[in-house]
């Protein structure tokens, strides 16, 4: 699959819901921070962070579905995300909300 989040920069208000749709490959949504973009936020802070798990795109598409993962925005502070599969983050599969 393509190694991008689209869009990769999103503005959202507190209470907004953001739905990630997985359209190809084996991807995930994992929370990081600006200083450590390719590692789980829990390794650098006391936050647990968001993690979608790996999404079974091929199996879901075979059943006519697209895997999704939805989060609610709880603050206006930036949320940094990356794909934790292989070298996807290092290849640029990162994004920010706010």
N, C-alpha and C. Protein backbone atom coordinates (compact mmCIF):
# COMPACT_ATOMS: atom_id res chain seq x y z
N UNK A 1 0.82 -1.19 0.00
CA UNK A 1 0.00 0.00 0.00
C UNK A 1 0.86 1.24 0.00
N UNK A 2 0.23 2.36 -0.23
CA UNK A 2 0.91 3.64 -0.24
C UNK A 2 1.26 4.05 1.18
N UNK A 3 2.43 4.61 1.38
CA UNK A 3 2.90 4.95 2.71
C UNK A 3 2.68 6.43 3.01
N UNK A 4 1.40 6.83 3.06
CA UNK A 4 1.04 8.21 3.41
C UNK A 4 -0.25 8.20 4.22
N UNK A 5 -0.44 9.24 5.00
CA UNK A 5 -1.74 9.58 5.55
C UNK A 5 -2.27 10.70 4.67
N UNK A 6 -3.53 10.63 4.31
CA UNK A 6 -4.11 11.67 3.46
C UNK A 6 -5.45 12.10 4.06
N UNK A 7 -5.52 13.36 4.53
CA UNK A 7 -4.46 14.37 4.56
C UNK A 7 -3.45 14.07 5.66
N UNK A 8 -2.28 14.73 5.57
CA UNK A 8 -1.27 14.51 6.60
C UNK A 8 -1.21 15.64 7.63
N UNK A 9 -2.09 16.63 7.45
CA UNK A 9 -2.21 17.75 8.38
C UNK A 9 -3.69 18.09 8.47
N UNK A 10 -4.26 17.98 9.64
CA UNK A 10 -5.70 18.12 9.81
C UNK A 10 -5.99 19.05 10.97
N UNK A 11 -6.94 19.97 10.80
CA UNK A 11 -7.39 20.84 11.89
C UNK A 11 -8.70 20.28 12.42
N UNK A 12 -8.80 20.17 13.75
CA UNK A 12 -10.00 19.62 14.36
C UNK A 12 -10.29 20.34 15.66
N UNK A 13 -11.57 20.43 16.00
CA UNK A 13 -11.99 21.03 17.25
C UNK A 13 -12.18 19.95 18.30
N UNK A 14 -12.16 20.37 19.56
CA UNK A 14 -12.43 19.44 20.66
C UNK A 14 -13.81 18.82 20.44
N UNK A 15 -13.90 17.52 20.55
CA UNK A 15 -15.15 16.80 20.33
C UNK A 15 -15.31 16.24 18.93
N UNK A 16 -14.50 16.72 17.98
CA UNK A 16 -14.57 16.18 16.62
C UNK A 16 -14.12 14.72 16.62
N UNK A 17 -14.70 13.96 15.71
CA UNK A 17 -14.31 12.57 15.51
C UNK A 17 -13.47 12.49 14.24
N UNK A 18 -12.37 11.77 14.31
CA UNK A 18 -11.50 11.56 13.15
C UNK A 18 -11.51 10.08 12.83
N UNK A 19 -11.87 9.76 11.59
CA UNK A 19 -11.91 8.36 11.16
C UNK A 19 -10.75 8.09 10.21
N UNK A 20 -9.94 7.12 10.56
CA UNK A 20 -8.87 6.65 9.69
C UNK A 20 -9.42 5.48 8.89
N UNK A 21 -9.23 5.51 7.57
CA UNK A 21 -9.67 4.43 6.70
C UNK A 21 -8.43 3.76 6.11
N UNK A 22 -8.39 2.45 6.23
CA UNK A 22 -7.23 1.68 5.77
C UNK A 22 -7.58 1.04 4.43
N UNK A 23 -6.89 1.48 3.37
CA UNK A 23 -7.28 1.10 2.01
C UNK A 23 -6.33 0.12 1.34
N UNK A 24 -5.20 -0.15 1.91
CA UNK A 24 -4.28 -1.10 1.28
C UNK A 24 -3.09 -1.37 2.16
N UNK A 25 -2.51 -2.52 2.01
CA UNK A 25 -1.33 -2.87 2.80
C UNK A 25 -1.68 -3.22 4.23
N UNK A 26 -0.68 -3.20 5.08
CA UNK A 26 -0.84 -3.50 6.50
C UNK A 26 -0.35 -2.27 7.25
N UNK A 27 -1.28 -1.47 7.76
CA UNK A 27 -0.93 -0.21 8.38
C UNK A 27 -1.53 -0.10 9.77
N UNK A 28 -1.08 0.92 10.50
CA UNK A 28 -1.61 1.20 11.83
C UNK A 28 -1.61 2.71 12.04
N UNK A 29 -2.27 3.14 13.11
CA UNK A 29 -2.21 4.52 13.58
C UNK A 29 -1.67 4.46 14.99
N UNK A 30 -0.50 5.04 15.21
CA UNK A 30 0.12 5.05 16.53
C UNK A 30 0.47 6.49 16.89
N UNK A 31 0.26 6.86 18.15
CA UNK A 31 0.55 8.22 18.59
C UNK A 31 2.01 8.35 19.01
N UNK A 32 2.62 9.44 18.57
CA UNK A 32 3.99 9.77 18.94
C UNK A 32 4.01 11.22 19.42
N UNK A 33 5.17 11.83 19.42
CA UNK A 33 5.24 13.27 19.65
C UNK A 33 6.23 13.87 18.65
N UNK A 34 6.29 15.20 18.62
CA UNK A 34 7.10 15.89 17.62
C UNK A 34 8.57 15.49 17.70
N UNK A 35 9.09 15.36 18.91
CA UNK A 35 10.52 15.09 19.09
C UNK A 35 10.91 13.65 18.76
N UNK A 36 9.94 12.72 18.82
CA UNK A 36 10.21 11.30 18.60
C UNK A 36 9.15 10.72 17.66
N UNK A 37 9.19 11.09 16.38
CA UNK A 37 8.07 10.80 15.49
C UNK A 37 7.81 9.34 15.16
N UNK A 38 8.76 8.46 15.35
CA UNK A 38 8.58 7.06 14.94
C UNK A 38 8.60 6.08 16.11
N UNK A 39 8.28 6.57 17.29
CA UNK A 39 8.21 5.70 18.47
C UNK A 39 6.94 6.00 19.25
N UNK A 40 6.38 5.01 19.94
CA UNK A 40 5.16 5.24 20.72
C UNK A 40 5.37 6.34 21.77
N UNK A 41 4.37 7.17 21.93
CA UNK A 41 4.46 8.28 22.89
C UNK A 41 4.72 7.76 24.30
N UNK A 42 4.28 6.56 24.60
CA UNK A 42 4.47 5.99 25.95
C UNK A 42 5.94 5.74 26.28
N UNK A 43 6.81 5.69 25.27
CA UNK A 43 8.24 5.49 25.53
C UNK A 43 8.94 6.76 25.98
N UNK A 44 8.27 7.92 25.81
CA UNK A 44 8.91 9.20 26.10
C UNK A 44 8.13 10.07 27.07
N UNK A 45 6.89 9.68 27.38
CA UNK A 45 6.05 10.45 28.29
C UNK A 45 5.28 9.48 29.18
N UNK A 46 4.45 10.03 30.04
CA UNK A 46 3.61 9.17 30.88
C UNK A 46 2.25 8.92 30.23
N UNK A 47 2.09 9.26 28.96
CA UNK A 47 0.84 9.03 28.23
C UNK A 47 0.82 7.62 27.64
N UNK A 48 -0.36 7.00 27.68
CA UNK A 48 -0.52 5.69 27.05
C UNK A 48 -0.52 5.84 25.54
N UNK A 49 -1.20 6.84 25.02
CA UNK A 49 -1.24 7.08 23.59
C UNK A 49 -2.28 6.24 22.87
N UNK A 50 -2.47 6.55 21.62
CA UNK A 50 -3.46 5.91 20.76
C UNK A 50 -2.75 4.88 19.89
N UNK A 51 -3.36 3.71 19.75
CA UNK A 51 -2.82 2.69 18.84
C UNK A 51 -3.98 1.90 18.26
N UNK A 52 -4.08 1.88 16.94
CA UNK A 52 -5.19 1.20 16.26
C UNK A 52 -4.99 -0.30 16.17
N UNK A 53 -3.75 -0.76 16.37
CA UNK A 53 -3.43 -2.13 16.03
C UNK A 53 -3.26 -2.22 14.52
N UNK A 54 -2.77 -3.34 14.04
CA UNK A 54 -2.62 -3.51 12.59
C UNK A 54 -3.97 -3.89 12.00
N UNK A 55 -4.30 -3.26 10.88
CA UNK A 55 -5.62 -3.42 10.29
C UNK A 55 -5.59 -4.44 9.15
N UNK A 56 -6.49 -5.43 9.19
CA UNK A 56 -6.52 -6.51 8.20
C UNK A 56 -7.21 -6.09 6.91
N UNK A 57 -6.53 -5.28 6.11
CA UNK A 57 -7.14 -4.71 4.91
C UNK A 57 -7.58 -5.79 3.93
N UNK A 58 -6.73 -6.73 3.60
CA UNK A 58 -7.06 -7.74 2.59
C UNK A 58 -8.27 -8.55 3.00
N UNK A 59 -8.30 -9.01 4.25
CA UNK A 59 -9.43 -9.81 4.73
C UNK A 59 -10.71 -8.99 4.74
N UNK A 60 -10.63 -7.72 5.14
CA UNK A 60 -11.82 -6.88 5.17
C UNK A 60 -12.33 -6.58 3.77
N UNK A 61 -11.42 -6.28 2.84
CA UNK A 61 -11.84 -5.99 1.47
C UNK A 61 -12.48 -7.21 0.82
N UNK A 62 -12.03 -8.41 1.19
CA UNK A 62 -12.63 -9.63 0.65
C UNK A 62 -14.10 -9.75 1.07
N UNK A 63 -14.44 -9.12 2.20
CA UNK A 63 -15.82 -9.12 2.67
C UNK A 63 -16.55 -7.85 2.28
N UNK A 64 -15.92 -7.03 1.43
CA UNK A 64 -16.56 -5.81 0.94
C UNK A 64 -16.52 -4.66 1.94
N UNK A 65 -15.59 -4.69 2.87
CA UNK A 65 -15.51 -3.64 3.89
C UNK A 65 -14.14 -2.96 3.84
N UNK A 66 -14.10 -1.75 4.41
CA UNK A 66 -12.85 -1.02 4.58
C UNK A 66 -12.62 -0.89 6.08
N UNK A 67 -11.47 -1.37 6.59
CA UNK A 67 -11.22 -1.21 8.02
C UNK A 67 -11.11 0.27 8.39
N UNK A 68 -11.67 0.62 9.54
CA UNK A 68 -11.60 2.00 10.03
C UNK A 68 -11.21 2.00 11.50
N UNK A 69 -10.72 3.14 11.94
CA UNK A 69 -10.38 3.38 13.35
C UNK A 69 -10.72 4.83 13.62
N UNK A 70 -11.52 5.09 14.65
CA UNK A 70 -12.02 6.43 14.93
C UNK A 70 -11.57 6.90 16.31
N UNK A 71 -11.14 8.15 16.37
CA UNK A 71 -10.76 8.76 17.64
C UNK A 71 -11.55 10.04 17.85
N UNK A 72 -11.69 10.47 19.10
CA UNK A 72 -12.29 11.76 19.41
C UNK A 72 -11.18 12.70 19.85
N UNK A 73 -11.20 13.92 19.32
CA UNK A 73 -10.23 14.93 19.69
C UNK A 73 -10.62 15.48 21.06
N UNK A 74 -9.71 15.40 22.03
CA UNK A 74 -10.04 15.82 23.39
C UNK A 74 -9.36 17.13 23.79
N UNK A 75 -8.47 17.66 22.95
CA UNK A 75 -7.79 18.92 23.25
C UNK A 75 -7.30 19.54 21.94
N UNK A 76 -7.00 20.84 21.97
CA UNK A 76 -6.51 21.53 20.78
C UNK A 76 -5.00 21.38 20.59
N UNK A 77 -4.33 20.73 21.53
CA UNK A 77 -2.89 20.53 21.40
C UNK A 77 -2.61 19.56 20.26
N UNK A 78 -1.47 19.68 19.61
CA UNK A 78 -1.17 18.80 18.46
C UNK A 78 -1.13 17.32 18.85
N UNK A 79 -1.66 16.50 17.96
CA UNK A 79 -1.59 15.05 18.07
C UNK A 79 -0.75 14.56 16.89
N UNK A 80 0.33 13.88 17.20
CA UNK A 80 1.24 13.37 16.17
C UNK A 80 1.01 11.88 16.01
N UNK A 81 0.87 11.42 14.78
CA UNK A 81 0.62 10.00 14.50
C UNK A 81 1.60 9.48 13.46
N UNK A 82 1.81 8.18 13.50
CA UNK A 82 2.67 7.52 12.51
C UNK A 82 2.17 6.10 12.31
N UNK A 83 2.61 5.47 11.24
CA UNK A 83 2.34 4.05 11.00
C UNK A 83 3.51 3.27 11.57
N UNK A 84 3.21 2.29 12.43
CA UNK A 84 4.27 1.54 13.11
C UNK A 84 4.70 0.28 12.36
N UNK A 85 4.16 0.08 11.17
CA UNK A 85 4.52 -1.10 10.36
C UNK A 85 5.89 -0.89 9.71
N UNK A 86 6.81 -1.82 9.94
CA UNK A 86 8.11 -1.79 9.26
C UNK A 86 8.76 -0.42 9.29
N UNK A 87 9.18 0.04 8.11
CA UNK A 87 9.82 1.35 7.99
C UNK A 87 8.87 2.41 7.45
N UNK A 88 7.56 2.21 7.59
CA UNK A 88 6.59 3.15 7.03
C UNK A 88 6.78 4.56 7.59
N UNK A 89 7.00 4.69 8.90
CA UNK A 89 7.21 6.01 9.49
C UNK A 89 8.46 6.66 8.90
N UNK A 90 9.54 5.93 8.86
CA UNK A 90 10.79 6.46 8.31
C UNK A 90 10.64 6.83 6.84
N UNK A 91 9.67 6.22 6.16
CA UNK A 91 9.39 6.53 4.75
C UNK A 91 8.44 7.71 4.60
N UNK A 92 8.02 8.31 5.73
CA UNK A 92 7.18 9.50 5.66
C UNK A 92 5.74 9.31 6.03
N UNK A 93 5.35 8.15 6.54
CA UNK A 93 3.95 7.92 6.89
C UNK A 93 3.68 8.46 8.30
N UNK A 94 3.56 9.79 8.36
CA UNK A 94 3.32 10.52 9.59
C UNK A 94 2.26 11.59 9.33
N UNK A 95 1.63 12.05 10.40
CA UNK A 95 0.64 13.12 10.26
C UNK A 95 0.48 13.84 11.58
N UNK A 96 -0.16 15.02 11.52
CA UNK A 96 -0.45 15.80 12.72
C UNK A 96 -1.89 16.30 12.66
N UNK A 97 -2.53 16.30 13.82
CA UNK A 97 -3.84 16.93 13.99
C UNK A 97 -3.60 18.16 14.86
N UNK A 98 -4.03 19.31 14.34
CA UNK A 98 -3.87 20.61 15.01
C UNK A 98 -2.42 21.02 15.07
